[in-house]
Amino acid sequence: MKKLTCLFVVLGLCVLFAHAALAADAQPKVFKLGFISSLSGPLAHSAETQKMAVELFVEQINAQGGLNMPWGKVKVEMLVKDDEMKLDVGVRRFRELVEAGCQAVTGSIYNPMSAALNEECKVTGTVYMPGCVPALDAFKKGAPAPATYSVAFTPWSIGYLLGDALIKGLNKKTFFWEGRPDSWGTTMLDGLKAASKELGGQVIGSEETQRGTPDHSPVINKALAAKADVFITNHFGGDACPT
């Protein structure tokens, strides 16, 4: 699965690079690629592996002489920013990358961040490809920025597919949900509820917990008391290590 995801990212970045470079007024000798992700906070470990993958790709491209552009080979320069998993910080860091001359931006591990940066791209026209599962709004008619791309599903799709797998694949019917009170958690729960309604399952309990929650045992005990067939948590990274 990881290899397949990396392949999609690599292919997507190739399209992203070409689109941004060809759309530029000038013929740059260096292609500036911005990388922004939550390199600190609960998702830091995942964001770091994300950064390493992009660094490897840039290294491989440059080892071949750079990007093949109509005006010749163009080296790739990678500029890195930490959004700290805070929307206001992420927007500022994104603007810094644009001001530094980045023709395209990738990265992102925090779902709500992808929505915020998509809005920035409507203003700047910057090519943006989030490496995370992007916000549902970025797929709705009229919502995507002209050059926002994606290599993944939305949280709603993941929630629906989860329900389908549990009900049709494992014959489970009742679910207790624990999730974050943001677009990652609430939209995924909507997808799970849609699948449950259509396929004969039921969400019999739900609890919201903030990111950075160190102890999940109270929620797990509630799920046990409800006698749900399945306990589901949509927390990610360091948050997904319940005690």
C-alpha atoms as a PDB file:
ATOM      1  CA  MET A   1       0.000   0.000   0.000  1.00  0.00           C
ATOM      2  CA  LYS A   2       2.853   2.378   0.893  1.00  0.00           C
ATOM      3  CA  LYS A   3       4.568   1.639  -2.444  1.00  0.00           C
ATOM      4  CA  LEU A   4       1.333   2.325  -4.334  1.00  0.00           C
ATOM      5  CA  THR A   5       0.812   5.591  -2.471  1.00  0.00           C
ATOM      6  CA  CYS A   6       4.387   6.684  -3.199  1.00  0.00           C
ATOM      7  CA  LEU A   7       3.863   5.856  -6.883  1.00  0.00           C
ATOM      8  CA  PHE A   8       0.749   8.040  -7.022  1.00  0.00           C
ATOM      9  CA  VAL A   9       2.611  10.864  -5.296  1.00  0.00           C
ATOM     10  CA  VAL A  10       5.571  10.616  -7.681  1.00  0.00           C
ATOM     11  CA  LEU A  11       3.340  10.575 -10.759  1.00  0.00           C
ATOM     12  CA  GLY A  12       1.302  13.443  -9.368  1.00  0.00           C
ATOM     13  CA  LEU A  13       4.367  15.520  -8.628  1.00  0.00           C
ATOM     14  CA  CYS A  14       5.590  15.014 -12.191  1.00  0.00           C
ATOM     15  CA  VAL A  15       2.317  16.451 -13.491  1.00  0.00           C
ATOM     16  CA  LEU A  16       2.483  19.217 -10.887  1.00  0.00           C
ATOM     17  CA  PHE A  17       6.028  20.168 -11.880  1.00  0.00           C
ATOM     18  CA  ALA A  18       5.249  20.309 -15.571  1.00  0.00           C
ATOM     19  CA  HIS A  19       2.044  22.299 -15.110  1.00  0.00           C
ATOM     20  CA  ALA A  20       3.663  24.926 -12.917  1.00  0.00           C
ATOM     21  CA  ALA A  21       6.765  25.322 -15.042  1.00  0.00           C
ATOM     22  CA  LEU A  22       4.899  25.591 -18.326  1.00  0.00           C
ATOM     23  CA  ALA A  23       2.463  28.095 -16.825  1.00  0.00           C
ATOM     24  CA  ALA A  24       5.275  30.364 -15.657  1.00  0.00           C
ATOM     25  CA  ASP A  25       5.976  33.550 -17.597  1.00  0.00           C
ATOM     26  CA  ALA A  26       9.729  33.049 -17.360  1.00  0.00           C
ATOM     27  CA  GLN A  27      11.927  30.049 -18.093  1.00  0.00           C
ATOM     28  CA  PRO A  28      13.420  29.386 -14.659  1.00  0.00           C
ATOM     29  CA  LYS A  29      16.795  27.728 -14.313  1.00  0.00           C
ATOM     30  CA  VAL A  30      15.690  26.437 -10.914  1.00  0.00           C
ATOM     31  CA  PHE A  31      12.285  25.013 -10.056  1.00  0.00           C
ATOM     32  CA  LYS A  32      11.375  25.933  -6.478  1.00  0.00           C
ATOM     33  CA  LEU A  33       9.194  23.325  -4.793  1.00  0.00           C
ATOM     34  CA  GLY A  34       7.671  24.261  -1.462  1.00  0.00           C
ATOM     35  CA  PHE A  35       7.072  21.561   1.129  1.00  0.00           C
ATOM     36  CA  ILE A  36       4.842  22.309   4.101  1.00  0.00           C
ATOM     37  CA  SER A  37       3.665  19.843   6.723  1.00  0.00           C
ATOM     38  CA  SER A  38       3.181  19.324  10.469  1.00  0.00           C
ATOM     39  CA  LEU A  39       6.793  18.587  11.363  1.00  0.00           C
ATOM     40  CA  SER A  40       5.966  19.273  14.999  1.00  0.00           C
ATOM     41  CA  GLY A  41       2.923  18.072  16.937  1.00  0.00           C
ATOM     42  CA  PRO A  42       1.050  14.723  17.069  1.00  0.00           C
ATOM     43  CA  LEU A  43       1.556  14.022  13.340  1.00  0.00           C
ATOM     44  CA  ALA A  44       5.265  14.873  13.289  1.00  0.00           C
ATOM     45  CA  HIS A  45       6.483  11.318  12.673  1.00  0.00           C
ATOM     46  CA  SER A  46       4.229  10.863   9.643  1.00  0.00           C
ATOM     47  CA  ALA A  47       5.091  14.329   8.343  1.00  0.00           C
ATOM     48  CA  GLU A  48       8.810  13.576   8.638  1.00  0.00           C
ATOM     49  CA  THR A  49       8.486  10.415   6.519  1.00  0.00           C
ATOM     50  CA  GLN A  50       6.467  12.466   4.040  1.00  0.00           C
ATOM     51  CA  LYS A  51       9.302  15.004   3.840  1.00  0.00           C
ATOM     52  CA  MET A  52      11.878  12.250   3.384  1.00  0.00           C
ATOM     53  CA  ALA A  53       9.915  10.849   0.419  1.00  0.00           C
ATOM     54  CA  VAL A  54       9.791  14.231  -1.325  1.00  0.00           C
ATOM     55  CA  GLU A  55      13.485  14.828  -0.580  1.00  0.00           C
ATOM     56  CA  LEU A  56      14.332  11.477  -2.161  1.00  0.00           C
ATOM     57  CA  PHE A  57      12.290  12.298  -5.243  1.00  0.00           C
ATOM     58  CA  VAL A  58      13.975  15.682  -5.629  1.00  0.00           C
ATOM     59  CA  GLU A  59      17.376  14.030  -5.191  1.00  0.00           C
ATOM     60  CA  GLN A  60      16.586  11.499  -7.918  1.00  0.00           C
ATOM     61  CA  ILE A  61      15.361  14.169 -10.331  1.00  0.00           C
ATOM     62  CA  ASN A  62      18.446  16.314  -9.786  1.00  0.00           C
ATOM     63  CA  ALA A  63      20.735  13.284 -10.178  1.00  0.00           C
ATOM     64  CA  GLN A  64      19.340  12.989 -13.711  1.00  0.00           C
ATOM     65  CA  GLY A  65      20.227  16.607 -14.409  1.00  0.00           C
ATOM     66  CA  GLY A  66      16.883  18.062 -13.378  1.00  0.00           C
ATOM     67  CA  LEU A  67      13.466  18.385 -14.977  1.00  0.00           C
ATOM     68  CA  ASN A  68      13.188  18.056 -18.736  1.00  0.00           C
ATOM     69  CA  MET A  69      11.745  21.375 -19.864  1.00  0.00           C
ATOM     70  CA  PRO A  70      11.481  22.808 -23.414  1.00  0.00           C
ATOM     71  CA  TRP A  71      14.270  25.269 -22.592  1.00  0.00           C
ATOM     72  CA  GLY A  72      16.548  22.589 -21.094  1.00  0.00           C
ATOM     73  CA  LYS A  73      17.270  20.859 -17.802  1.00  0.00           C
ATOM     74  CA  VAL A  74      15.956  22.575 -14.672  1.00  0.00           C
ATOM     75  CA  LYS A  75      17.207  21.673 -11.199  1.00  0.00           C
ATOM     76  CA  VAL A  76      14.691  21.375  -8.353  1.00  0.00           C
ATOM     77  CA  GLU A  77      15.195  23.283  -5.110  1.00  0.00           C
ATOM     78  CA  MET A  78      13.099  22.208  -2.126  1.00  0.00           C
ATOM     79  CA  LEU A  79      12.046  24.757   0.516  1.00  0.00           C
ATOM     80  CA  VAL A  80      10.662  23.298   3.759  1.00  0.00           C
ATOM     81  CA  LYS A  81       8.215  24.827   6.250  1.00  0.00           C
ATOM     82  CA  ASP A  82       6.602  23.516   9.442  1.00  0.00           C
ATOM     83  CA  ASP A  83       2.920  24.435   9.812  1.00  0.00           C
ATOM     84  CA  GLU A  84       2.982  23.212  13.453  1.00  0.00           C
ATOM     85  CA  MET A  85      -0.497  21.721  12.860  1.00  0.00           C
ATOM     86  CA  LYS A  86      -1.946  25.217  13.369  1.00  0.00           C
ATOM     87  CA  LEU A  87      -4.056  26.784  10.626  1.00  0.00           C
ATOM     88  CA  ASP A  88      -2.864  30.354  11.157  1.00  0.00           C
ATOM     89  CA  VAL A  89       0.764  29.236  11.170  1.00  0.00           C
ATOM     90  CA  GLY A  90       0.229  27.098   8.066  1.00  0.00           C
ATOM     91  CA  VAL A  91      -1.254  29.984   6.105  1.00  0.00           C
ATOM     92  CA  ARG A  92       1.668  32.231   7.059  1.00  0.00           C
ATOM     93  CA  ARG A  93       4.223  29.582   6.117  1.00  0.00           C
ATOM     94  CA  PHE A  94       2.466  28.976   2.799  1.00  0.00           C
ATOM     95  CA  ARG A  95       2.586  32.675   1.999  1.00  0.00           C
ATOM     96  CA  GLU A  96       6.288  32.669   2.853  1.00  0.00           C
ATOM     97  CA  LEU A  97       6.859  29.874   0.330  1.00  0.00           C
ATOM     98  CA  VAL A  98       4.951  31.796  -2.351  1.00  0.00           C
ATOM     99  CA  GLU A  99       6.907  34.968  -1.579  1.00  0.00           C
ATOM    100  CA  ALA A 100      10.139  32.951  -1.845  1.00  0.00           C
ATOM    101  CA  GLY A 101       9.204  32.141  -5.449  1.00  0.00           C
ATOM    102  CA  CYS A 102       7.920  28.581  -5.161  1.00  0.00           C
ATOM    103  CA  GLN A 103       6.185  27.519  -8.365  1.00  0.00           C
ATOM    104  CA  ALA A 104       4.387  24.674  -6.579  1.00  0.00           C
ATOM    105  CA  VAL A 105       3.719  23.410  -3.052  1.00  0.00           C
ATOM    106  CA  THR A 106       3.200  19.898  -1.732  1.00  0.00           C
ATOM    107  CA  GLY A 107       3.164  18.189   1.669  1.00  0.00           C
ATOM    108  CA  SER A 108       0.324  18.638   4.203  1.00  0.00           C
ATOM    109  CA  ILE A 109      -0.549  15.896   6.679  1.00  0.00           C
ATOM    110  CA  TYR A 110      -3.365  17.696   8.548  1.00  0.00           C
ATOM    111  CA  ASN A 111      -6.697  17.491   6.743  1.00  0.00           C
ATOM    112  CA  PRO A 112      -8.098  20.922   7.754  1.00  0.00           C
ATOM    113  CA  MET A 113      -4.828  22.499   6.587  1.00  0.00           C
ATOM    114  CA  SER A 114      -5.448  21.320   3.034  1.00  0.00           C
ATOM    115  CA  ALA A 115      -8.738  23.247   3.011  1.00  0.00           C
ATOM    116  CA  ALA A 116      -7.072  26.426   4.274  1.00  0.00           C
ATOM    117  CA  LEU A 117      -4.255  26.222   1.729  1.00  0.00           C
ATOM    118  CA  ASN A 118      -6.714  25.502  -1.084  1.00  0.00           C
ATOM    119  CA  GLU A 119      -8.332  28.856  -0.272  1.00  0.00           C
ATOM    120  CA  GLU A 120      -4.911  30.536  -0.418  1.00  0.00           C
ATOM    121  CA  CYS A 121      -4.341  28.996  -3.850  1.00  0.00           C
ATOM    122  CA  LYS A 122      -7.513  30.657  -5.124  1.00  0.00           C
ATOM    123  CA  VAL A 123      -5.769  33.970  -4.489  1.00  0.00           C
ATOM    124  CA  THR A 124      -2.213  33.107  -5.533  1.00  0.00           C
ATOM    125  CA  GLY A 125      -2.849  30.575  -8.315  1.00  0.00           C
ATOM    126  CA  THR A 126      -0.055  28.426  -6.870  1.00  0.00           C
ATOM    127  CA  VAL A 127      -0.038  24.776  -7.883  1.00  0.00           C
ATOM    128  CA  TYR A 128      -0.845  22.736  -4.767  1.00  0.00           C
ATOM    129  CA  MET A 129      -0.915  18.974  -4.247  1.00  0.00           C
ATOM    130  CA  PRO A 130      -1.670  17.919  -0.657  1.00  0.00           C
ATOM    131  CA  GLY A 131      -0.109  14.601   0.277  1.00  0.00           C
ATOM    132  CA  CYS A 132      -2.791  14.028   2.925  1.00  0.00           C
ATOM    133  CA  VAL A 133      -6.428  13.095   2.528  1.00  0.00           C
ATOM    134  CA  PRO A 134      -7.783  16.485   1.417  1.00  0.00           C
ATOM    135  CA  ALA A 135     -10.849  18.279   2.719  1.00  0.00           C
ATOM    136  CA  LEU A 136     -14.202  17.354   1.171  1.00  0.00           C
ATOM    137  CA  ASP A 137     -14.922  20.976   0.242  1.00  0.00           C
ATOM    138  CA  ALA A 138     -11.929  20.944  -2.117  1.00  0.00           C
ATOM    139  CA  PHE A 139     -13.825  18.428  -4.272  1.00  0.00           C
ATOM    140  CA  LYS A 140     -17.180  20.195  -4.373  1.00  0.00           C
ATOM    141  CA  LYS A 141     -18.217  22.066  -7.504  1.00  0.00           C
ATOM    142  CA  GLY A 142     -16.760  25.540  -7.489  1.00  0.00           C
ATOM    143  CA  ALA A 143     -14.615  24.903  -4.409  1.00  0.00           C
ATOM    144  CA  PRO A 144     -11.224  23.705  -5.729  1.00  0.00           C
ATOM    145  CA  ALA A 145      -8.591  26.275  -6.602  1.00  0.00           C
ATOM    146  CA  PRO A 146      -7.676  26.194 -10.322  1.00  0.00           C
ATOM    147  CA  ALA A 147      -4.453  24.283  -9.632  1.00  0.00           C
ATOM    148  CA  THR A 148      -5.262  22.180  -6.542  1.00  0.00           C
ATOM    149  CA  TYR A 149      -4.757  18.472  -7.163  1.00  0.00           C
ATOM    150  CA  SER A 150      -5.148  15.360  -5.015  1.00  0.00           C
ATOM    151  CA  VAL A 151      -3.767  11.830  -4.906  1.00  0.00           C
ATOM    152  CA  ALA A 152      -6.182  10.528  -2.265  1.00  0.00           C
ATOM    153  CA  PHE A 153      -9.825  10.120  -1.233  1.00  0.00           C
ATOM    154  CA  THR A 154     -11.764  12.535   0.974  1.00  0.00           C
ATOM    155  CA  PRO A 155     -12.541  11.742   4.640  1.00  0.00           C
ATOM    156  CA  TRP A 156     -16.186  11.087   3.638  1.00  0.00           C
ATOM    157  CA  SER A 157     -15.041   8.432   1.166  1.00  0.00           C
ATOM    158  CA  ILE A 158     -12.875   6.766   3.803  1.00  0.00           C
ATOM    159  CA  GLY A 159     -15.764   6.707   6.272  1.00  0.00           C
ATOM    160  CA  TYR A 160     -18.107   5.210   3.692  1.00  0.00           C
ATOM    161  CA  LEU A 161     -15.588   2.570   2.604  1.00  0.00           C
ATOM    162  CA  LEU A 162     -14.949   1.730   6.264  1.00  0.00           C
ATOM    163  CA  GLY A 163     -18.648   1.113   6.810  1.00  0.00           C
ATOM    164  CA  ASP A 164     -18.871  -0.976   3.651  1.00  0.00           C
ATOM    165  CA  ALA A 165     -15.915  -3.138   4.741  1.00  0.00           C
ATOM    166  CA  LEU A 166     -17.260  -3.654   8.259  1.00  0.00           C
ATOM    167  CA  ILE A 167     -20.862  -4.422   7.274  1.00  0.00           C
ATOM    168  CA  LYS A 168     -20.457  -6.327   4.024  1.00  0.00           C
ATOM    169  CA  GLY A 169     -16.969  -7.707   4.570  1.00  0.00           C
ATOM    170  CA  LEU A 170     -16.959  -8.567   8.295  1.00  0.00           C
ATOM    171  CA  ASN A 171     -20.723  -8.746   8.954  1.00  0.00           C
ATOM    172  CA  LYS A 172     -20.509  -6.226  11.810  1.00  0.00           C
ATOM    173  CA  LYS A 173     -23.549  -4.095  12.529  1.00  0.00           C
ATOM    174  CA  THR A 174     -23.006  -1.715  15.447  1.00  0.00           C
ATOM    175  CA  PHE A 175     -20.221   0.834  15.842  1.00  0.00           C
ATOM    176  CA  PHE A 176     -18.907   3.177  18.518  1.00  0.00           C
ATOM    177  CA  TRP A 177     -17.020   6.127  17.058  1.00  0.00           C
ATOM    178  CA  GLU A 178     -14.246   8.252  18.533  1.00  0.00           C
ATOM    179  CA  GLY A 179     -13.039  11.137  16.388  1.00  0.00           C
ATOM    180  CA  ARG A 180     -11.593  14.620  16.258  1.00  0.00           C
ATOM    181  CA  PRO A 181     -13.985  17.609  16.137  1.00  0.00           C
ATOM    182  CA  ASP A 182     -12.584  18.890  12.837  1.00  0.00           C
ATOM    183  CA  SER A 183     -13.129  18.201   9.142  1.00  0.00           C
ATOM    184  CA  TRP A 184     -11.115  14.973   9.356  1.00  0.00           C
ATOM    185  CA  GLY A 185     -13.289  13.526  12.117  1.00  0.00           C
ATOM    186  CA  THR A 186     -16.750  14.924  11.418  1.00  0.00           C
ATOM    187  CA  THR A 187     -16.686  14.316   7.648  1.00  0.00           C
ATOM    188  CA  MET A 188     -15.432  10.747   8.039  1.00  0.00           C
ATOM    189  CA  LEU A 189     -18.218  10.071  10.542  1.00  0.00           C
ATOM    190  CA  ASP A 190     -20.738  11.400   8.010  1.00  0.00           C
ATOM    191  CA  GLY A 191     -19.434   8.866   5.474  1.00  0.00           C
ATOM    192  CA  LEU A 192     -19.682   6.030   8.001  1.00  0.00           C
ATOM    193  CA  LYS A 193     -23.257   7.015   8.859  1.00  0.00           C
ATOM    194  CA  ALA A 194     -24.193   7.132   5.172  1.00  0.00           C
ATOM    195  CA  ALA A 195     -22.833   3.617   4.618  1.00  0.00           C
ATOM    196  CA  SER A 196     -24.538   2.348   7.782  1.00  0.00           C
ATOM    197  CA  LYS A 197     -27.902   3.731   6.714  1.00  0.00           C
ATOM    198  CA  GLU A 198     -27.601   2.238   3.243  1.00  0.00           C
ATOM    199  CA  LEU A 199     -26.180  -1.149   4.230  1.00  0.00           C
ATOM    200  CA  GLY A 200     -27.925  -1.928   7.497  1.00  0.00           C
ATOM    201  CA  GLY A 201     -25.432  -0.860  10.169  1.00  0.00           C
ATOM    202  CA  GLN A 202     -25.742   1.640  13.019  1.00  0.00           C
ATOM    203  CA  VAL A 203     -23.491   4.064  14.872  1.00  0.00           C
ATOM    204  CA  ILE A 204     -24.762   3.480  18.428  1.00  0.00           C
ATOM    205  CA  GLY A 205     -22.422   5.942  20.127  1.00  0.00           C
ATOM    206  CA  SER A 206     -19.862   8.602  19.387  1.00  0.00           C
ATOM    207  CA  GLU A 207     -17.396  10.721  21.309  1.00  0.00           C
ATOM    208  CA  GLU A 208     -15.234  13.653  20.234  1.00  0.00           C
ATOM    209  CA  THR A 209     -11.700  13.959  21.588  1.00  0.00           C
ATOM    210  CA  GLN A 210      -9.221  16.704  20.822  1.00  0.00           C
ATOM    211  CA  ARG A 211      -5.935  16.094  19.038  1.00  0.00           C
ATOM    212  CA  GLY A 212      -3.166  15.549  21.535  1.00  0.00           C
ATOM    213  CA  THR A 213      -5.432  13.507  23.839  1.00  0.00           C
ATOM    214  CA  PRO A 214      -3.042  11.223  25.774  1.00  0.00           C
ATOM    215  CA  ASP A 215      -5.587   8.862  27.362  1.00  0.00           C
ATOM    216  CA  HIS A 216      -8.354   7.192  25.357  1.00  0.00           C
ATOM    217  CA  SER A 217      -9.427   4.723  28.042  1.00  0.00           C
ATOM    218  CA  PRO A 218     -12.603   6.646  29.105  1.00  0.00           C
ATOM    219  CA  VAL A 219     -13.904   6.491  25.522  1.00  0.00           C
ATOM    220  CA  ILE A 220     -12.947   2.833  25.153  1.00  0.00           C
ATOM    221  CA  ASN A 221     -14.850   2.043  28.348  1.00  0.00           C
ATOM    222  CA  LYS A 222     -17.937   3.778  26.948  1.00  0.00           C
ATOM    223  CA  ALA A 223     -17.664   1.659  23.796  1.00  0.00           C
ATOM    224  CA  LEU A 224     -17.400  -1.500  25.921  1.00  0.00           C
ATOM    225  CA  ALA A 225     -20.455  -0.466  27.958  1.00  0.00           C
ATOM    226  CA  ALA A 226     -22.433   0.151  24.749  1.00  0.00           C
ATOM    227  CA  LYS A 227     -21.505  -3.387  23.594  1.00  0.00           C
ATOM    228  CA  ALA A 228     -20.699  -2.190  20.090  1.00  0.00           C
ATOM    229  CA  ASP A 229     -19.442  -4.753  17.597  1.00  0.00           C
ATOM    230  CA  VAL A 230     -16.601  -2.415  16.614  1.00  0.00           C
ATOM    231  CA  PHE A 231     -14.778   0.456  18.298  1.00  0.00           C
ATOM    232  CA  ILE A 232     -13.467   2.957  15.721  1.00  0.00           C
ATOM    233  CA  THR A 233     -11.024   5.782  16.305  1.00  0.00           C
ATOM    234  CA  ASN A 234     -10.078   8.115  13.482  1.00  0.00           C
ATOM    235  CA  HIS A 235      -7.156   9.694  15.326  1.00  0.00           C
ATOM    236  CA  PHE A 236      -3.883   9.630  13.434  1.00  0.00           C
ATOM    237  CA  GLY A 237      -0.174   9.655  14.180  1.00  0.00           C
ATOM    238  CA  GLY A 238       0.824  10.060  17.828  1.00  0.00           C
ATOM    239  CA  ASP A 239      -2.834  10.565  18.771  1.00  0.00           C
ATOM    240  CA  ALA A 240      -3.640   7.026  17.637  1.00  0.00           C
ATOM    241  CA  CYS A 241      -1.731   5.411  20.527  1.00  0.00           C
ATOM    242  CA  PRO A 242      -4.456   4.906  23.151  1.00  0.00           C
ATOM    243  CA  THR A 243      -3.559   3.931  26.697  1.00  0.00           C
END
